[in-house]
Amino acid sequence: MPEAAFATPEAALAAMAGALRRAIAGSSGPFYATALLAASQALHGQAAPGRAAWATAFRAAVAAIGELGGARPGDRTMLDALHPAAEAFATAEGPVAAAWAAAEAAAEEGAAATATMPPRRGRAAYLGDRALGVPDAGASAVLVWMRAIGRSLG
């Protein structure tokens, strides 16, 4: 991608949306692409967004996934990790790294909780009760990239 694609947070998120849409198979690719586009739009015109703007963008991303897929927290999907993470990031005190750590912890709790949830949406819905006892794959995947971001924040 050209450097200009990363000139602003808005442009970077939009460029990442396109890349993920093409690179991630299944429904996760379009969900992540839609989320990144929503976050990009929430940051429109902000060259150096602060934590409140990033929190708004995170919430917009989570809402976009729910709208696209029709899922809500409790349906045993990636939203069970994303929704509490976005809320924790938005309400945490302290520096960005501490707020992100709170978001990671909330995502981890949310993902773990999916192990006992009957699947109502997503790929686990095809498995029915056979999915019980194992955390949702989409919710678990959220933890992977959230931890990577957390490491980059220090």
C-alpha atoms as a PDB file:
ATOM      1  CA  MET A   1       0.000   0.000   0.000  1.00  0.00           C
ATOM      2  CA  PRO A   2       1.232   3.494  -0.679  1.00  0.00           C
ATOM      3  CA  GLU A   3       2.368   5.553   2.305  1.00  0.00           C
ATOM      4  CA  ALA A   4      -0.469   8.008   1.688  1.00  0.00           C
ATOM      5  CA  ALA A   5      -2.890   5.277   2.725  1.00  0.00           C
ATOM      6  CA  PHE A   6      -1.580   5.712   6.271  1.00  0.00           C
ATOM      7  CA  ALA A   7      -1.407   9.520   6.335  1.00  0.00           C
ATOM      8  CA  THR A   8      -4.238   9.828   8.858  1.00  0.00           C
ATOM      9  CA  PRO A   9      -5.978   7.392  11.201  1.00  0.00           C
ATOM     10  CA  GLU A  10      -9.098   7.677   9.036  1.00  0.00           C
ATOM     11  CA  ALA A  11      -7.184   6.733   5.881  1.00  0.00           C
ATOM     12  CA  ALA A  12      -5.210   3.981   7.609  1.00  0.00           C
ATOM     13  CA  LEU A  13      -8.339   2.288   8.954  1.00  0.00           C
ATOM     14  CA  ALA A  14     -10.029   2.489   5.543  1.00  0.00           C
ATOM     15  CA  ALA A  15      -6.951   0.971   3.869  1.00  0.00           C
ATOM     16  CA  MET A  16      -6.820  -1.812   6.457  1.00  0.00           C
ATOM     17  CA  ALA A  17     -10.518  -2.492   5.867  1.00  0.00           C
ATOM     18  CA  GLY A  18      -9.840  -3.173   2.208  1.00  0.00           C
ATOM     19  CA  ALA A  19      -6.879  -5.402   2.965  1.00  0.00           C
ATOM     20  CA  LEU A  20      -8.737  -7.457   5.584  1.00  0.00           C
ATOM     21  CA  ARG A  21     -11.793  -7.831   3.381  1.00  0.00           C
ATOM     22  CA  ARG A  22      -9.596  -9.503   0.777  1.00  0.00           C
ATOM     23  CA  ALA A  23      -7.344 -11.446   3.164  1.00  0.00           C
ATOM     24  CA  ILE A  24      -9.697 -12.988   5.727  1.00  0.00           C
ATOM     25  CA  ALA A  25     -11.985 -15.746   4.525  1.00  0.00           C
ATOM     26  CA  GLY A  26     -15.476 -16.499   5.754  1.00  0.00           C
ATOM     27  CA  SER A  27     -17.683 -13.937   7.412  1.00  0.00           C
ATOM     28  CA  SER A  28     -14.918 -12.491   9.599  1.00  0.00           C
ATOM     29  CA  GLY A  29     -13.332 -10.613   6.688  1.00  0.00           C
ATOM     30  CA  PRO A  30     -16.435  -8.581   5.865  1.00  0.00           C
ATOM     31  CA  PHE A  31     -17.195  -8.079   9.574  1.00  0.00           C
ATOM     32  CA  TYR A  32     -13.724  -6.690  10.296  1.00  0.00           C
ATOM     33  CA  ALA A  33     -13.762  -4.606   7.107  1.00  0.00           C
ATOM     34  CA  THR A  34     -17.131  -3.114   8.030  1.00  0.00           C
ATOM     35  CA  ALA A  35     -15.900  -2.415  11.551  1.00  0.00           C
ATOM     36  CA  LEU A  36     -12.772  -0.669  10.320  1.00  0.00           C
ATOM     37  CA  LEU A  37     -14.770   1.426   7.869  1.00  0.00           C
ATOM     38  CA  ALA A  38     -17.151   2.487  10.632  1.00  0.00           C
ATOM     39  CA  ALA A  39     -14.196   3.390  12.862  1.00  0.00           C
ATOM     40  CA  SER A  40     -12.625   5.287   9.968  1.00  0.00           C
ATOM     41  CA  GLN A  41     -15.799   7.289   9.464  1.00  0.00           C
ATOM     42  CA  ALA A  42     -16.003   8.044  13.187  1.00  0.00           C
ATOM     43  CA  LEU A  43     -12.504   9.572  12.959  1.00  0.00           C
ATOM     44  CA  HIS A  44     -13.272  11.638   9.858  1.00  0.00           C
ATOM     45  CA  GLY A  45     -11.165  14.778   9.718  1.00  0.00           C
ATOM     46  CA  GLN A  46      -9.204  14.042  12.905  1.00  0.00           C
ATOM     47  CA  ALA A  47      -5.462  14.063  12.263  1.00  0.00           C
ATOM     48  CA  ALA A  48      -4.564  13.194  15.862  1.00  0.00           C
ATOM     49  CA  PRO A  49      -7.619  11.765  17.636  1.00  0.00           C
ATOM     50  CA  GLY A  50      -7.551  11.542  21.409  1.00  0.00           C
ATOM     51  CA  ARG A  51      -8.677   8.608  23.500  1.00  0.00           C
ATOM     52  CA  ALA A  52     -12.315   9.724  23.552  1.00  0.00           C
ATOM     53  CA  ALA A  53     -12.388   9.792  19.744  1.00  0.00           C
ATOM     54  CA  TRP A  54     -10.774   6.333  19.577  1.00  0.00           C
ATOM     55  CA  ALA A  55     -13.359   5.072  22.080  1.00  0.00           C
ATOM     56  CA  THR A  56     -16.142   6.441  19.888  1.00  0.00           C
ATOM     57  CA  ALA A  57     -14.548   4.782  16.856  1.00  0.00           C
ATOM     58  CA  PHE A  58     -14.245   1.457  18.717  1.00  0.00           C
ATOM     59  CA  ARG A  59     -17.906   1.598  19.721  1.00  0.00           C
ATOM     60  CA  ALA A  60     -18.905   2.458  16.137  1.00  0.00           C
ATOM     61  CA  ALA A  61     -16.920  -0.528  14.866  1.00  0.00           C
ATOM     62  CA  VAL A  62     -18.632  -2.905  17.289  1.00  0.00           C
ATOM     63  CA  ALA A  63     -22.071  -1.518  16.418  1.00  0.00           C
ATOM     64  CA  ALA A  64     -21.353  -1.974  12.700  1.00  0.00           C
ATOM     65  CA  ILE A  65     -20.526  -5.651  13.192  1.00  0.00           C
ATOM     66  CA  GLY A  66     -23.755  -6.182  15.119  1.00  0.00           C
ATOM     67  CA  GLU A  67     -25.769  -4.394  12.475  1.00  0.00           C
ATOM     68  CA  LEU A  68     -24.214  -6.339   9.608  1.00  0.00           C
ATOM     69  CA  GLY A  69     -24.489  -9.753  11.235  1.00  0.00           C
ATOM     70  CA  GLY A  70     -27.621  -9.248  13.280  1.00  0.00           C
ATOM     71  CA  ALA A  71     -25.883 -10.468  16.438  1.00  0.00           C
ATOM     72  CA  ARG A  72     -25.901  -9.004  19.923  1.00  0.00           C
ATOM     73  CA  PRO A  73     -23.830  -9.720  23.012  1.00  0.00           C
ATOM     74  CA  GLY A  74     -24.970 -13.064  24.371  1.00  0.00           C
ATOM     75  CA  ASP A  75     -25.345 -14.681  20.939  1.00  0.00           C
ATOM     76  CA  ARG A  76     -21.904 -16.353  21.234  1.00  0.00           C
ATOM     77  CA  THR A  77     -20.007 -14.387  18.602  1.00  0.00           C
ATOM     78  CA  MET A  78     -17.032 -12.062  18.391  1.00  0.00           C
ATOM     79  CA  LEU A  79     -19.323  -9.381  19.827  1.00  0.00           C
ATOM     80  CA  ASP A  80     -19.157 -11.111  23.204  1.00  0.00           C
ATOM     81  CA  ALA A  81     -15.503 -10.063  23.382  1.00  0.00           C
ATOM     82  CA  LEU A  82     -15.740  -6.817  21.403  1.00  0.00           C
ATOM     83  CA  HIS A  83     -18.666  -5.166  23.161  1.00  0.00           C
ATOM     84  CA  PRO A  84     -17.280  -5.357  26.713  1.00  0.00           C
ATOM     85  CA  ALA A  85     -13.839  -4.379  25.395  1.00  0.00           C
ATOM     86  CA  ALA A  86     -15.170  -1.239  23.727  1.00  0.00           C
ATOM     87  CA  GLU A  87     -17.119  -0.295  26.831  1.00  0.00           C
ATOM     88  CA  ALA A  88     -14.142  -0.900  29.117  1.00  0.00           C
ATOM     89  CA  PHE A  89     -11.870   1.180  26.873  1.00  0.00           C
ATOM     90  CA  ALA A  90     -14.390   4.021  26.832  1.00  0.00           C
ATOM     91  CA  THR A  91     -14.866   4.110  30.595  1.00  0.00           C
ATOM     92  CA  ALA A  92     -11.394   3.247  31.924  1.00  0.00           C
ATOM     93  CA  GLU A  93      -9.320   5.832  33.738  1.00  0.00           C
ATOM     94  CA  GLY A  94      -5.671   6.603  33.139  1.00  0.00           C
ATOM     95  CA  PRO A  95      -3.416   6.550  30.102  1.00  0.00           C
ATOM     96  CA  VAL A  96      -4.291   4.828  26.824  1.00  0.00           C
ATOM     97  CA  ALA A  97      -2.183   1.746  27.603  1.00  0.00           C
ATOM     98  CA  ALA A  98      -4.037   1.233  30.894  1.00  0.00           C
ATOM     99  CA  ALA A  99      -7.405   1.711  29.209  1.00  0.00           C
ATOM    100  CA  TRP A 100      -6.423  -0.800  26.531  1.00  0.00           C
ATOM    101  CA  ALA A 101      -5.351  -3.275  29.229  1.00  0.00           C
ATOM    102  CA  ALA A 102      -8.816  -2.912  30.788  1.00  0.00           C
ATOM    103  CA  ALA A 103     -10.347  -3.513  27.357  1.00  0.00           C
ATOM    104  CA  GLU A 104      -8.224  -6.645  26.890  1.00  0.00           C
ATOM    105  CA  ALA A 105      -9.305  -7.978  30.266  1.00  0.00           C
ATOM    106  CA  ALA A 106     -12.961  -7.340  29.434  1.00  0.00           C
ATOM    107  CA  ALA A 107     -12.545  -9.068  26.056  1.00  0.00           C
ATOM    108  CA  GLU A 108     -10.902 -12.052  27.723  1.00  0.00           C
ATOM    109  CA  GLU A 109     -13.777 -12.382  30.198  1.00  0.00           C
ATOM    110  CA  GLY A 110     -16.308 -12.013  27.404  1.00  0.00           C
ATOM    111  CA  ALA A 111     -14.615 -14.617  25.231  1.00  0.00           C
ATOM    112  CA  ALA A 112     -14.341 -17.073  28.136  1.00  0.00           C
ATOM    113  CA  ALA A 113     -18.034 -16.612  28.912  1.00  0.00           C
ATOM    114  CA  THR A 114     -18.969 -17.800  25.427  1.00  0.00           C
ATOM    115  CA  ALA A 115     -18.005 -21.354  26.416  1.00  0.00           C
ATOM    116  CA  THR A 116     -21.270 -21.655  28.351  1.00  0.00           C
ATOM    117  CA  MET A 117     -23.486 -19.754  25.903  1.00  0.00           C
ATOM    118  CA  PRO A 118     -25.778 -21.591  23.537  1.00  0.00           C
ATOM    119  CA  PRO A 119     -24.821 -20.438  20.035  1.00  0.00           C
ATOM    120  CA  ARG A 120     -27.478 -18.311  18.372  1.00  0.00           C
ATOM    121  CA  ARG A 121     -25.459 -16.639  15.604  1.00  0.00           C
ATOM    122  CA  GLY A 122     -22.220 -17.194  13.739  1.00  0.00           C
ATOM    123  CA  ARG A 123     -20.572 -20.426  12.702  1.00  0.00           C
ATOM    124  CA  ALA A 124     -21.068 -21.997  16.139  1.00  0.00           C
ATOM    125  CA  ALA A 125     -24.838 -21.880  15.554  1.00  0.00           C
ATOM    126  CA  TYR A 126     -24.383 -24.755  13.111  1.00  0.00           C
ATOM    127  CA  LEU A 127     -22.853 -26.854  15.887  1.00  0.00           C
ATOM    128  CA  GLY A 128     -25.596 -26.332  18.430  1.00  0.00           C
ATOM    129  CA  ASP A 129     -24.865 -27.811  21.856  1.00  0.00           C
ATOM    130  CA  ARG A 130     -21.658 -29.418  20.542  1.00  0.00           C
ATOM    131  CA  ALA A 131     -20.089 -25.941  20.779  1.00  0.00           C
ATOM    132  CA  LEU A 132     -20.638 -25.768  24.540  1.00  0.00           C
ATOM    133  CA  GLY A 133     -17.530 -26.011  26.676  1.00  0.00           C
ATOM    134  CA  VAL A 134     -15.254 -24.279  24.173  1.00  0.00           C
ATOM    135  CA  PRO A 135     -14.980 -20.489  23.774  1.00  0.00           C
ATOM    136  CA  ASP A 136     -16.263 -19.055  20.510  1.00  0.00           C
ATOM    137  CA  ALA A 137     -13.561 -18.908  17.832  1.00  0.00           C
ATOM    138  CA  GLY A 138     -14.451 -15.383  16.737  1.00  0.00           C
ATOM    139  CA  ALA A 139     -14.395 -14.078  20.297  1.00  0.00           C
ATOM    140  CA  SER A 140     -11.065 -15.818  20.867  1.00  0.00           C
ATOM    141  CA  ALA A 141      -9.635 -14.297  17.686  1.00  0.00           C
ATOM    142  CA  VAL A 142     -10.465 -10.837  19.021  1.00  0.00           C
ATOM    143  CA  LEU A 143      -8.061 -11.505  21.882  1.00  0.00           C
ATOM    144  CA  VAL A 144      -5.214 -12.240  19.472  1.00  0.00           C
ATOM    145  CA  TRP A 145      -5.270  -8.860  17.768  1.00  0.00           C
ATOM    146  CA  MET A 146      -6.175  -6.961  20.929  1.00  0.00           C
ATOM    147  CA  ARG A 147      -3.117  -8.416  22.677  1.00  0.00           C
ATOM    148  CA  ALA A 148      -0.942  -7.457  19.692  1.00  0.00           C
ATOM    149  CA  ILE A 149      -2.188  -3.875  19.913  1.00  0.00           C
ATOM    150  CA  GLY A 150      -1.631  -3.933  23.674  1.00  0.00           C
ATOM    151  CA  ARG A 151       1.980  -5.013  23.200  1.00  0.00           C
ATOM    152  CA  SER A 152       2.547  -2.157  20.758  1.00  0.00           C
ATOM    153  CA  LEU A 153       1.167   0.323  23.309  1.00  0.00           C
ATOM    154  CA  GLY A 154       3.662  -0.875  25.899  1.00  0.00           C
END
